[in-house]
Amino acid sequence: MNLFILSACPRQCAQWMFDVHIVKIITEAIQMLCVAKRMRDPEADHSGLYGASHVNHPVTIWVRESAENYRWTMALCDAMHDEWKYRFDHEESRVHGAYQKMLLLDPPRDEAFPQRSLTKFAQAMPEEYRCDDSIEAYHRYYQSPDKQRLASWRKRDRPDWFVPDPRFFGLRLRRLAKEDGIGPAPIVERLRPRKKKTT
């Protein structure tokens, strides 16, 4: 379970996510929203929602910690759903299976949450990548060897802060070329470390 907070802006966060996370994390995020709904609005009709799971996961706790955290997560789900349609060329009318459950969610009242404003983003990652700035921590985690293997952005440029690891360059190159159905040259440009602009 994770949200991979790569930016404080939900839309930018979604645009920076790997392809595999666009497909997967929307489900996890909506599961967390459903847990928050069940816990903050126990008398409501919960039919059609995901059951309560990973209740004590740090990110699940963060989602239900404040009304603004809940709204931010909903905005991220909206952005991921748009990104899912864009990257994978889905028709506008197509709806991700998990997103259908979010459409059933009636957010709990603000008063149901312990806090109203956005709280510090939770960090769900190995200790070695953590730091005081949660966004920077997720940038570090995204560049870890395990995550480098997943790195691909269909129809998106690689984020400026993401530095490809040469050990995984060839593997990603072959996979991306196969996915895109084109030769490797255009893919090389998407993954090549960018030169810093000089002023």
N, C-alpha and C. Protein backbone atom coordinates (compact mmCIF):
# COMPACT_ATOMS: atom_id res chain seq x y z
N MET A 1 0.85 -1.19 0.00
CA MET A 1 0.00 0.00 0.00
C MET A 1 0.89 1.24 0.00
N ASN A 2 0.60 2.15 -0.90
CA ASN A 2 1.38 3.39 -0.95
C ASN A 2 0.67 4.39 -1.85
N LEU A 3 1.08 5.64 -1.74
CA LEU A 3 0.57 6.67 -2.65
C LEU A 3 1.69 7.27 -3.51
N PHE A 4 2.94 7.06 -3.12
CA PHE A 4 4.10 7.60 -3.84
C PHE A 4 3.91 9.10 -4.08
N ILE A 5 4.08 9.86 -3.02
CA ILE A 5 3.89 11.31 -3.06
C ILE A 5 5.10 11.96 -3.72
N LEU A 6 5.05 12.11 -5.03
CA LEU A 6 6.16 12.67 -5.80
C LEU A 6 6.06 14.17 -5.97
N SER A 7 4.90 14.73 -5.63
CA SER A 7 4.67 16.17 -5.71
C SER A 7 3.51 16.51 -4.78
N ALA A 8 3.50 17.74 -4.28
CA ALA A 8 2.37 18.19 -3.46
C ALA A 8 1.13 18.43 -4.31
N CYS A 9 1.32 18.56 -5.60
CA CYS A 9 0.21 18.74 -6.54
C CYS A 9 -0.25 17.36 -7.02
N PRO A 10 -1.49 16.97 -6.75
CA PRO A 10 -1.95 15.63 -7.15
C PRO A 10 -1.78 15.34 -8.64
N ARG A 11 -2.04 16.33 -9.50
CA ARG A 11 -1.94 16.09 -10.94
C ARG A 11 -0.49 15.88 -11.36
N GLN A 12 0.42 16.69 -10.82
CA GLN A 12 1.85 16.51 -11.13
C GLN A 12 2.34 15.18 -10.59
N CYS A 13 1.87 14.82 -9.42
CA CYS A 13 2.23 13.53 -8.81
C CYS A 13 1.88 12.38 -9.75
N ALA A 14 0.67 12.40 -10.28
CA ALA A 14 0.22 11.34 -11.19
C ALA A 14 1.06 11.33 -12.47
N GLN A 15 1.38 12.50 -12.99
CA GLN A 15 2.15 12.57 -14.24
C GLN A 15 3.57 12.04 -14.07
N TRP A 16 4.10 12.11 -12.86
CA TRP A 16 5.45 11.62 -12.60
C TRP A 16 5.48 10.13 -12.25
N MET A 17 4.35 9.52 -11.98
CA MET A 17 4.34 8.11 -11.60
C MET A 17 4.71 7.21 -12.77
N PHE A 18 5.33 6.06 -12.43
CA PHE A 18 5.61 5.05 -13.44
C PHE A 18 4.29 4.53 -14.03
N ASP A 19 4.37 3.99 -15.22
CA ASP A 19 3.19 3.41 -15.85
C ASP A 19 2.53 2.35 -14.96
N VAL A 20 3.35 1.48 -14.40
CA VAL A 20 2.81 0.39 -13.59
C VAL A 20 2.08 0.93 -12.36
N HIS A 21 2.53 2.05 -11.83
CA HIS A 21 1.87 2.64 -10.65
C HIS A 21 0.56 3.32 -11.01
N ILE A 22 0.48 3.87 -12.20
CA ILE A 22 -0.78 4.48 -12.64
C ILE A 22 -1.89 3.43 -12.63
N VAL A 23 -1.55 2.22 -13.02
CA VAL A 23 -2.54 1.13 -13.06
C VAL A 23 -2.83 0.61 -11.65
N LYS A 24 -1.79 0.50 -10.82
CA LYS A 24 -1.89 -0.18 -9.52
C LYS A 24 -2.26 0.73 -8.35
N ILE A 25 -1.64 1.90 -8.28
CA ILE A 25 -1.80 2.74 -7.09
C ILE A 25 -3.19 3.35 -6.99
N ILE A 26 -3.86 3.52 -8.10
CA ILE A 26 -5.23 4.04 -8.03
C ILE A 26 -6.11 3.09 -7.21
N THR A 27 -5.88 1.78 -7.37
CA THR A 27 -6.64 0.79 -6.58
C THR A 27 -6.30 0.91 -5.10
N GLU A 28 -5.01 1.01 -4.78
CA GLU A 28 -4.60 1.11 -3.38
C GLU A 28 -5.13 2.39 -2.74
N ALA A 29 -5.08 3.49 -3.48
CA ALA A 29 -5.56 4.76 -2.95
C ALA A 29 -7.06 4.70 -2.65
N ILE A 30 -7.82 4.08 -3.54
CA ILE A 30 -9.26 3.99 -3.33
C ILE A 30 -9.58 3.02 -2.20
N GLN A 31 -8.77 1.98 -2.03
CA GLN A 31 -8.94 1.11 -0.86
C GLN A 31 -8.77 1.91 0.42
N MET A 32 -7.78 2.80 0.45
CA MET A 32 -7.55 3.63 1.64
C MET A 32 -8.69 4.60 1.88
N LEU A 33 -9.23 5.17 0.80
CA LEU A 33 -10.39 6.06 0.94
C LEU A 33 -11.59 5.30 1.50
N CYS A 34 -11.76 4.07 1.06
CA CYS A 34 -12.88 3.26 1.57
C CYS A 34 -12.70 2.95 3.05
N VAL A 35 -11.47 2.66 3.47
CA VAL A 35 -11.20 2.45 4.90
C VAL A 35 -11.55 3.70 5.69
N ALA A 36 -11.11 4.85 5.19
CA ALA A 36 -11.40 6.12 5.87
C ALA A 36 -12.90 6.36 5.97
N LYS A 37 -13.62 6.09 4.90
CA LYS A 37 -15.07 6.26 4.90
C LYS A 37 -15.72 5.36 5.95
N ARG A 38 -15.31 4.10 6.01
CA ARG A 38 -15.86 3.17 6.97
C ARG A 38 -15.59 3.60 8.41
N MET A 39 -14.39 4.13 8.65
CA MET A 39 -14.01 4.48 10.02
C MET A 39 -14.51 5.85 10.45
N ARG A 40 -14.59 6.80 9.52
CA ARG A 40 -15.02 8.15 9.87
C ARG A 40 -16.53 8.36 9.71
N ASP A 41 -17.18 7.42 9.03
CA ASP A 41 -18.62 7.53 8.82
C ASP A 41 -19.25 6.14 8.95
N PRO A 42 -19.14 5.55 10.17
CA PRO A 42 -19.54 4.15 10.35
C PRO A 42 -21.02 3.86 10.13
N GLU A 43 -21.87 4.87 10.25
CA GLU A 43 -23.32 4.66 10.09
C GLU A 43 -23.77 4.72 8.63
N ALA A 44 -22.89 5.11 7.74
CA ALA A 44 -23.26 5.26 6.32
C ALA A 44 -23.41 3.90 5.64
N ASP A 45 -24.03 3.90 4.48
CA ASP A 45 -24.16 2.70 3.66
C ASP A 45 -22.82 2.46 2.96
N HIS A 46 -22.19 1.34 3.27
CA HIS A 46 -20.87 1.03 2.70
C HIS A 46 -20.95 -0.01 1.60
N SER A 47 -22.14 -0.34 1.15
CA SER A 47 -22.27 -1.37 0.12
C SER A 47 -21.57 -0.91 -1.17
N GLY A 48 -20.87 -1.84 -1.78
CA GLY A 48 -20.15 -1.54 -3.02
C GLY A 48 -18.73 -1.05 -2.80
N LEU A 49 -18.37 -0.71 -1.56
CA LEU A 49 -17.03 -0.22 -1.27
C LEU A 49 -16.08 -1.38 -0.97
N TYR A 50 -14.79 -1.11 -1.05
CA TYR A 50 -13.82 -2.11 -0.61
C TYR A 50 -13.96 -2.31 0.89
N GLY A 51 -13.65 -3.53 1.35
CA GLY A 51 -13.66 -3.80 2.78
C GLY A 51 -12.48 -3.13 3.46
N ALA A 52 -12.51 -3.13 4.79
CA ALA A 52 -11.43 -2.50 5.56
C ALA A 52 -10.20 -3.41 5.56
N SER A 53 -9.11 -2.94 4.96
CA SER A 53 -7.86 -3.70 4.95
C SER A 53 -6.70 -2.74 5.14
N HIS A 54 -5.58 -3.26 5.64
CA HIS A 54 -4.39 -2.45 5.90
C HIS A 54 -4.75 -1.21 6.73
N VAL A 55 -5.60 -1.42 7.71
CA VAL A 55 -6.13 -0.31 8.52
C VAL A 55 -5.02 0.46 9.23
N ASN A 56 -3.98 -0.24 9.68
CA ASN A 56 -2.92 0.40 10.46
C ASN A 56 -1.68 0.73 9.63
N HIS A 57 -1.79 0.64 8.32
CA HIS A 57 -0.68 1.05 7.45
C HIS A 57 -0.50 2.56 7.59
N PRO A 58 0.74 3.06 7.65
CA PRO A 58 0.94 4.50 7.88
C PRO A 58 0.26 5.41 6.87
N VAL A 59 0.19 5.00 5.61
CA VAL A 59 -0.45 5.86 4.61
C VAL A 59 -1.97 5.79 4.74
N THR A 60 -2.50 4.63 5.09
CA THR A 60 -3.94 4.51 5.34
C THR A 60 -4.34 5.39 6.51
N ILE A 61 -3.52 5.40 7.55
CA ILE A 61 -3.77 6.27 8.71
C ILE A 61 -3.72 7.73 8.28
N TRP A 62 -2.74 8.09 7.44
CA TRP A 62 -2.62 9.48 6.98
C TRP A 62 -3.87 9.91 6.23
N VAL A 63 -4.41 9.06 5.36
CA VAL A 63 -5.59 9.43 4.56
C VAL A 63 -6.76 9.81 5.46
N ARG A 64 -6.95 9.08 6.55
CA ARG A 64 -8.10 9.35 7.42
C ARG A 64 -7.79 10.32 8.57
N GLU A 65 -6.57 10.84 8.58
CA GLU A 65 -6.13 11.73 9.66
C GLU A 65 -6.77 13.11 9.58
N SER A 66 -7.06 13.58 8.37
CA SER A 66 -7.67 14.91 8.24
C SER A 66 -8.57 14.96 7.01
N ALA A 67 -9.49 15.90 7.04
CA ALA A 67 -10.42 16.08 5.92
C ALA A 67 -9.67 16.45 4.65
N GLU A 68 -8.64 17.28 4.78
CA GLU A 68 -7.88 17.71 3.60
C GLU A 68 -7.03 16.57 3.04
N ASN A 69 -6.50 15.71 3.92
CA ASN A 69 -5.77 14.52 3.45
C ASN A 69 -6.69 13.66 2.58
N TYR A 70 -7.92 13.49 3.04
CA TYR A 70 -8.90 12.69 2.30
C TYR A 70 -9.18 13.31 0.94
N ARG A 71 -9.39 14.63 0.93
CA ARG A 71 -9.68 15.32 -0.33
C ARG A 71 -8.48 15.27 -1.28
N TRP A 72 -7.29 15.41 -0.72
CA TRP A 72 -6.07 15.35 -1.54
C TRP A 72 -5.97 13.98 -2.22
N THR A 73 -6.27 12.93 -1.47
CA THR A 73 -6.20 11.57 -2.02
C THR A 73 -7.26 11.37 -3.10
N MET A 74 -8.43 11.93 -2.92
CA MET A 74 -9.46 11.86 -3.96
C MET A 74 -8.99 12.59 -5.23
N ALA A 75 -8.36 13.74 -5.04
CA ALA A 75 -7.84 14.49 -6.19
C ALA A 75 -6.75 13.69 -6.91
N LEU A 76 -5.91 12.99 -6.14
CA LEU A 76 -4.88 12.15 -6.75
C LEU A 76 -5.53 11.03 -7.56
N CYS A 77 -6.59 10.43 -7.03
CA CYS A 77 -7.29 9.37 -7.77
C CYS A 77 -7.88 9.90 -9.07
N ASP A 78 -8.46 11.09 -9.02
CA ASP A 78 -8.98 11.71 -10.24
C ASP A 78 -7.86 11.89 -11.27
N ALA A 79 -6.71 12.39 -10.79
CA ALA A 79 -5.57 12.63 -11.68
C ALA A 79 -5.01 11.33 -12.25
N MET A 80 -4.91 10.30 -11.40
CA MET A 80 -4.41 9.01 -11.87
C MET A 80 -5.37 8.40 -12.90
N HIS A 81 -6.66 8.59 -12.69
CA HIS A 81 -7.64 8.04 -13.64
C HIS A 81 -7.50 8.74 -14.99
N ASP A 82 -7.35 10.05 -14.97
CA ASP A 82 -7.12 10.79 -16.23
C ASP A 82 -5.83 10.32 -16.90
N GLU A 83 -4.80 10.11 -16.09
CA GLU A 83 -3.51 9.69 -16.62
C GLU A 83 -3.60 8.28 -17.20
N TRP A 84 -4.35 7.41 -16.55
CA TRP A 84 -4.56 6.04 -17.03
C TRP A 84 -5.22 6.06 -18.41
N LYS A 85 -6.20 6.89 -18.60
CA LYS A 85 -6.85 7.00 -19.91
C LYS A 85 -5.88 7.55 -20.96
N TYR A 86 -5.12 8.57 -20.57
CA TYR A 86 -4.21 9.23 -21.51
C TYR A 86 -3.08 8.30 -21.95
N ARG A 87 -2.40 7.69 -20.97
CA ARG A 87 -1.22 6.89 -21.32
C ARG A 87 -1.56 5.61 -22.08
N PHE A 88 -2.70 5.03 -21.75
CA PHE A 88 -3.03 3.74 -22.34
C PHE A 88 -4.13 3.84 -23.40
N ASP A 89 -4.39 5.07 -23.84
CA ASP A 89 -5.31 5.32 -24.96
C ASP A 89 -6.70 4.71 -24.76
N HIS A 90 -7.20 4.81 -23.52
CA HIS A 90 -8.55 4.33 -23.26
C HIS A 90 -9.57 5.36 -23.72
N GLU A 91 -10.71 4.89 -24.15
CA GLU A 91 -11.78 5.79 -24.55
C GLU A 91 -12.25 6.60 -23.35
N GLU A 92 -12.74 7.80 -23.61
CA GLU A 92 -13.18 8.69 -22.54
C GLU A 92 -14.24 8.05 -21.66
N SER A 93 -15.07 7.21 -22.25
CA SER A 93 -16.17 6.59 -21.50
C SER A 93 -15.71 5.42 -20.62
N ARG A 94 -14.49 4.94 -20.84
CA ARG A 94 -14.02 3.79 -20.05
C ARG A 94 -13.66 4.22 -18.64
N VAL A 95 -14.01 3.37 -17.67
CA VAL A 95 -13.77 3.68 -16.26
C VAL A 95 -12.98 2.54 -15.62
N HIS A 96 -11.89 2.87 -14.96
CA HIS A 96 -11.08 1.89 -14.23
C HIS A 96 -11.96 1.22 -13.17
N GLY A 97 -11.80 -0.08 -12.99
CA GLY A 97 -12.64 -0.83 -12.05
C GLY A 97 -12.64 -0.26 -10.65
N ALA A 98 -11.46 0.12 -10.14
CA ALA A 98 -11.39 0.69 -8.79
C ALA A 98 -12.06 2.06 -8.73
N TYR A 99 -11.90 2.83 -9.79
CA TYR A 99 -12.46 4.19 -9.81
C TYR A 99 -13.99 4.15 -9.72
N GLN A 100 -14.59 3.09 -10.21
CA GLN A 100 -16.04 2.94 -10.09
C GLN A 100 -16.47 2.95 -8.64
N LYS A 101 -15.63 2.38 -7.77
CA LYS A 101 -15.94 2.37 -6.34
C LYS A 101 -15.80 3.76 -5.74
N MET A 102 -14.83 4.54 -6.23
CA MET A 102 -14.69 5.89 -5.71
C MET A 102 -15.90 6.75 -6.06
N LEU A 103 -16.50 6.47 -7.20
CA LEU A 103 -17.68 7.24 -7.61
C LEU A 103 -18.85 7.00 -6.66
N LEU A 104 -18.78 5.91 -5.87
CA LEU A 104 -19.82 5.61 -4.89
C LEU A 104 -19.57 6.33 -3.56
N LEU A 105 -18.36 6.86 -3.41
CA LEU A 105 -17.98 7.46 -2.12
C LEU A 105 -18.61 8.84 -1.93
N ASP A 106 -19.27 8.99 -0.82
CA ASP A 106 -19.75 10.29 -0.37
C ASP A 106 -18.83 10.67 0.78
N PRO A 107 -17.91 11.62 0.59
CA PRO A 107 -16.90 11.90 1.62
C PRO A 107 -17.51 12.19 2.99
N PRO A 108 -16.86 11.70 4.05
CA PRO A 108 -17.34 12.02 5.40
C PRO A 108 -17.31 13.53 5.64
N ARG A 109 -18.13 13.98 6.57
CA ARG A 109 -18.14 15.40 6.94
C ARG A 109 -16.79 15.78 7.54
N ASP A 110 -16.38 17.02 7.37
CA ASP A 110 -15.11 17.49 7.92
C ASP A 110 -15.02 17.23 9.42
N GLU A 111 -16.15 17.37 10.10
CA GLU A 111 -16.18 17.21 11.56
C GLU A 111 -15.85 15.78 11.99
N ALA A 112 -15.94 14.84 11.06
CA ALA A 112 -15.69 13.44 11.40
C ALA A 112 -14.20 13.14 11.53
N PHE A 113 -13.35 14.05 11.04
CA PHE A 113 -11.91 13.84 11.06
C PHE A 113 -11.29 14.53 12.27
N PRO A 114 -10.20 13.96 12.82
CA PRO A 114 -9.52 14.60 13.95
C PRO A 114 -8.96 15.98 13.60
N GLN A 115 -8.57 16.17 12.33
CA GLN A 115 -8.01 17.45 11.89
C GLN A 115 -8.65 17.85 10.57
N ARG A 116 -8.55 19.13 10.24
CA ARG A 116 -9.14 19.62 8.98
C ARG A 116 -8.09 19.81 7.89
N SER A 117 -6.94 20.39 8.26
CA SER A 117 -5.95 20.79 7.24
C SER A 117 -5.04 19.63 6.85
N LEU A 118 -4.32 19.82 5.73
CA LEU A 118 -3.39 18.81 5.23
C LEU A 118 -2.26 18.60 6.24
N THR A 119 -1.97 17.36 6.56
CA THR A 119 -0.89 17.05 7.48
C THR A 119 0.33 16.55 6.69
N LYS A 120 1.44 16.40 7.38
CA LYS A 120 2.67 15.95 6.72
C LYS A 120 2.45 14.58 6.08
N PHE A 121 2.86 14.45 4.82
CA PHE A 121 2.67 13.19 4.11
C PHE A 121 3.39 12.04 4.82
N ALA A 122 2.72 10.91 4.90
CA ALA A 122 3.33 9.72 5.49
C ALA A 122 4.38 9.15 4.53
N GLN A 123 5.35 8.45 5.10
CA GLN A 123 6.41 7.84 4.29
C GLN A 123 6.38 6.33 4.50
N ALA A 124 6.07 5.59 3.46
CA ALA A 124 6.06 4.13 3.52
C ALA A 124 7.18 3.62 2.62
N MET A 125 8.33 3.42 3.21
CA MET A 125 9.53 3.05 2.45
C MET A 125 10.61 2.61 3.42
N PRO A 126 11.66 1.95 2.94
CA PRO A 126 12.78 1.60 3.82
C PRO A 126 13.40 2.85 4.44
N GLU A 127 13.93 2.68 5.62
CA GLU A 127 14.49 3.78 6.41
C GLU A 127 15.57 4.56 5.65
N GLU A 128 16.33 3.89 4.82
CA GLU A 128 17.47 4.54 4.14
C GLU A 128 17.05 5.66 3.19
N TYR A 129 15.78 5.68 2.78
CA TYR A 129 15.33 6.71 1.84
C TYR A 129 14.58 7.84 2.53
N ARG A 130 14.31 7.71 3.81
CA ARG A 130 13.50 8.70 4.51
C ARG A 130 14.29 9.96 4.84
N CYS A 131 13.58 11.07 4.89
CA CYS A 131 14.16 12.33 5.32
C CYS A 131 13.01 13.23 5.78
N ASP A 132 13.31 14.43 6.23
CA ASP A 132 12.27 15.32 6.75
C ASP A 132 11.26 15.72 5.68
N ASP A 133 11.70 15.83 4.44
CA ASP A 133 10.82 16.22 3.34
C ASP A 133 10.27 14.96 2.67
N SER A 134 8.98 14.70 2.84
CA SER A 134 8.38 13.46 2.32
C SER A 134 8.48 13.36 0.80
N ILE A 135 8.35 14.48 0.11
CA ILE A 135 8.43 14.45 -1.36
C ILE A 135 9.84 14.07 -1.80
N GLU A 136 10.85 14.67 -1.17
CA GLU A 136 12.24 14.31 -1.47
C GLU A 136 12.49 12.83 -1.15
N ALA A 137 11.91 12.36 -0.05
CA ALA A 137 12.07 10.95 0.32
C ALA A 137 11.50 10.03 -0.75
N TYR A 138 10.33 10.39 -1.28
CA TYR A 138 9.74 9.57 -2.34
C TYR A 138 10.53 9.66 -3.65
N HIS A 139 11.16 10.80 -3.91
CA HIS A 139 12.04 10.89 -5.08
C HIS A 139 13.21 9.92 -4.91
N ARG A 140 13.77 9.88 -3.72
CA ARG A 140 14.89 8.96 -3.46
C ARG A 140 14.43 7.51 -3.63
N TYR A 141 13.29 7.20 -3.04
CA TYR A 141 12.76 5.84 -3.09
C TYR A 141 12.46 5.42 -4.53
N TYR A 142 11.96 6.34 -5.33
CA TYR A 142 11.63 6.05 -6.73
C TYR A 142 12.88 5.72 -7.53
N GLN A 143 14.03 6.18 -7.06
CA GLN A 143 15.29 5.93 -7.78
C GLN A 143 16.07 4.77 -7.19
N SER A 144 15.47 4.04 -6.25
CA SER A 144 16.11 2.87 -5.66
C SER A 144 16.21 1.75 -6.70
N PRO A 145 17.13 0.81 -6.53
CA PRO A 145 17.27 -0.28 -7.51
C PRO A 145 15.97 -1.02 -7.80
N ASP A 146 15.19 -1.31 -6.77
CA ASP A 146 13.93 -2.03 -6.99
C ASP A 146 12.97 -1.24 -7.85
N LYS A 147 12.92 0.07 -7.64
CA LYS A 147 11.99 0.91 -8.40
C LYS A 147 12.53 1.25 -9.79
N GLN A 148 13.86 1.34 -9.93
CA GLN A 148 14.44 1.62 -11.25
C GLN A 148 13.99 0.59 -12.28
N ARG A 149 13.80 -0.63 -11.84
CA ARG A 149 13.38 -1.70 -12.75
C ARG A 149 11.99 -1.44 -13.33
N LEU A 150 11.20 -0.61 -12.66
CA LEU A 150 9.82 -0.34 -13.09
C LEU A 150 9.71 0.92 -13.95
N ALA A 151 10.80 1.67 -14.07
CA ALA A 151 10.73 3.02 -14.64
C ALA A 151 10.32 3.04 -16.11
N SER A 152 9.14 3.56 -16.36
CA SER A 152 8.70 3.86 -17.73
C SER A 152 7.54 4.83 -17.65
N TRP A 153 7.48 5.73 -18.64
CA TRP A 153 6.43 6.75 -18.69
C TRP A 153 5.90 6.82 -20.12
N ARG A 154 4.85 6.11 -20.41
CA ARG A 154 4.27 6.18 -21.75
C ARG A 154 3.72 7.58 -22.00
N LYS A 155 4.11 8.17 -23.13
CA LYS A 155 3.60 9.47 -23.56
C LYS A 155 3.94 10.60 -22.58
N ARG A 156 4.89 10.37 -21.69
CA ARG A 156 5.35 11.40 -20.75
C ARG A 156 6.87 11.43 -20.75
N ASP A 157 7.43 12.61 -20.50
CA ASP A 157 8.88 12.71 -20.32
C ASP A 157 9.25 12.24 -18.93
N ARG A 158 10.46 11.72 -18.83
CA ARG A 158 10.99 11.36 -17.53
C ARG A 158 11.11 12.61 -16.67
N PRO A 159 10.72 12.54 -15.39
CA PRO A 159 10.88 13.72 -14.52
C PRO A 159 12.33 14.17 -14.45
N ASP A 160 12.55 15.48 -14.38
CA ASP A 160 13.91 16.03 -14.32
C ASP A 160 14.71 15.50 -13.14
N TRP A 161 14.03 15.22 -12.03
CA TRP A 161 14.73 14.79 -10.82
C TRP A 161 15.11 13.31 -10.85
N PHE A 162 14.57 12.56 -11.81
CA PHE A 162 14.83 11.11 -11.87
C PHE A 162 16.12 10.86 -12.65
N VAL A 163 17.09 10.25 -11.98
CA VAL A 163 18.37 9.94 -12.62
C VAL A 163 18.42 8.44 -12.91
N PRO A 164 18.38 8.05 -14.19
CA PRO A 164 18.40 6.62 -14.52
C PRO A 164 19.69 5.96 -14.06
N ASP A 165 19.58 4.76 -13.55
CA ASP A 165 20.73 3.97 -13.12
C ASP A 165 21.21 3.15 -14.32
N PRO A 166 22.47 3.32 -14.75
CA PRO A 166 22.97 2.61 -15.94
C PRO A 166 22.83 1.09 -15.85
N ARG A 167 22.82 0.55 -14.63
CA ARG A 167 22.70 -0.91 -14.48
C ARG A 167 21.38 -1.44 -15.02
N PHE A 168 20.36 -0.57 -15.05
CA PHE A 168 19.04 -1.02 -15.49
C PHE A 168 18.64 -0.41 -16.83
N PHE A 169 19.54 0.37 -17.41
CA PHE A 169 19.22 1.11 -18.63
C PHE A 169 18.80 0.18 -19.77
N GLY A 170 19.61 -0.85 -20.04
CA GLY A 170 19.32 -1.76 -21.15
C GLY A 170 18.02 -2.52 -20.96
N LEU A 171 17.77 -2.96 -19.73
CA LEU A 171 16.55 -3.70 -19.43
C LEU A 171 15.32 -2.84 -19.71
N ARG A 172 15.33 -1.61 -19.24
CA ARG A 172 14.19 -0.71 -19.45
C ARG A 172 14.05 -0.37 -20.93
N LEU A 173 15.19 -0.17 -21.58
CA LEU A 173 15.17 0.18 -23.00
C LEU A 173 14.46 -0.90 -23.82
N ARG A 174 14.82 -2.15 -23.57
CA ARG A 174 14.19 -3.25 -24.32
C ARG A 174 12.70 -3.33 -24.03
N ARG A 175 12.33 -3.19 -22.76
CA ARG A 175 10.92 -3.29 -22.40
C ARG A 175 10.11 -2.15 -23.00
N LEU A 176 10.64 -0.94 -22.93
CA LEU A 176 9.91 0.21 -23.46
C LEU A 176 9.78 0.14 -24.98
N ALA A 177 10.84 -0.29 -25.65
CA ALA A 177 10.77 -0.40 -27.10
C ALA A 177 9.71 -1.42 -27.51
N LYS A 178 9.62 -2.50 -26.74
CA LYS A 178 8.62 -3.52 -27.04
C LYS A 178 7.22 -2.98 -26.78
N GLU A 179 7.03 -2.29 -25.66
CA GLU A 179 5.71 -1.74 -25.31
C GLU A 179 5.24 -0.73 -26.34
N ASP A 180 6.15 0.14 -26.78
CA ASP A 180 5.77 1.20 -27.70
C ASP A 180 5.70 0.74 -29.15
N GLY A 181 6.24 -0.45 -29.43
CA GLY A 181 6.20 -0.97 -30.79
C GLY A 181 7.04 -0.17 -31.76
N ILE A 182 8.11 0.46 -31.24
CA ILE A 182 8.98 1.26 -32.11
C ILE A 182 10.42 0.88 -31.85
N GLY A 183 11.31 1.39 -32.67
CA GLY A 183 12.72 1.13 -32.48
C GLY A 183 13.24 1.76 -31.20
N PRO A 184 14.44 1.37 -30.77
CA PRO A 184 14.96 1.85 -29.50
C PRO A 184 15.41 3.31 -29.47
N ALA A 185 15.73 3.91 -30.61
CA ALA A 185 16.31 5.26 -30.61
C ALA A 185 15.44 6.29 -29.89
N PRO A 186 14.12 6.39 -30.17
CA PRO A 186 13.31 7.38 -29.45
C PRO A 186 13.25 7.11 -27.95
N ILE A 187 13.32 5.83 -27.57
CA ILE A 187 13.27 5.48 -26.16
C ILE A 187 14.55 5.93 -25.46
N VAL A 188 15.68 5.82 -26.16
CA VAL A 188 16.95 6.24 -25.57
C VAL A 188 16.87 7.68 -25.10
N GLU A 189 16.28 8.53 -25.92
CA GLU A 189 16.18 9.94 -25.57
C GLU A 189 15.29 10.16 -24.35
N ARG A 190 14.30 9.29 -24.15
CA ARG A 190 13.42 9.43 -22.99
C ARG A 190 14.12 9.08 -21.70
N LEU A 191 15.14 8.20 -21.79
CA LEU A 191 15.80 7.71 -20.58
C LEU A 191 17.17 8.31 -20.34
N ARG A 192 17.76 8.90 -21.37
CA ARG A 192 19.12 9.42 -21.24
C ARG A 192 19.19 10.51 -20.17
N PRO A 193 20.19 10.45 -19.26
CA PRO A 193 20.34 11.53 -18.28
C PRO A 193 20.45 12.88 -18.98
N ARG A 194 19.74 13.85 -18.49
CA ARG A 194 19.70 15.16 -19.15
C ARG A 194 20.83 16.05 -18.67
N LYS A 195 21.39 16.81 -19.60
CA LYS A 195 22.44 17.77 -19.24
C LYS A 195 21.80 18.96 -18.56
N LYS A 196 22.44 19.42 -17.50
CA LYS A 196 21.93 20.60 -16.81
C LYS A 196 22.16 21.83 -17.66
N LYS A 197 21.17 22.69 -17.69
CA LYS A 197 21.29 23.93 -18.47
C LYS A 197 22.25 24.87 -17.78
N THR A 198 23.12 25.48 -18.57
CA THR A 198 24.06 26.46 -18.02
C THR A 198 23.53 27.86 -18.30
N THR A 199 23.68 28.72 -17.34
CA THR A 199 23.17 30.10 -17.50
C THR A 199 24.30 31.06 -17.75
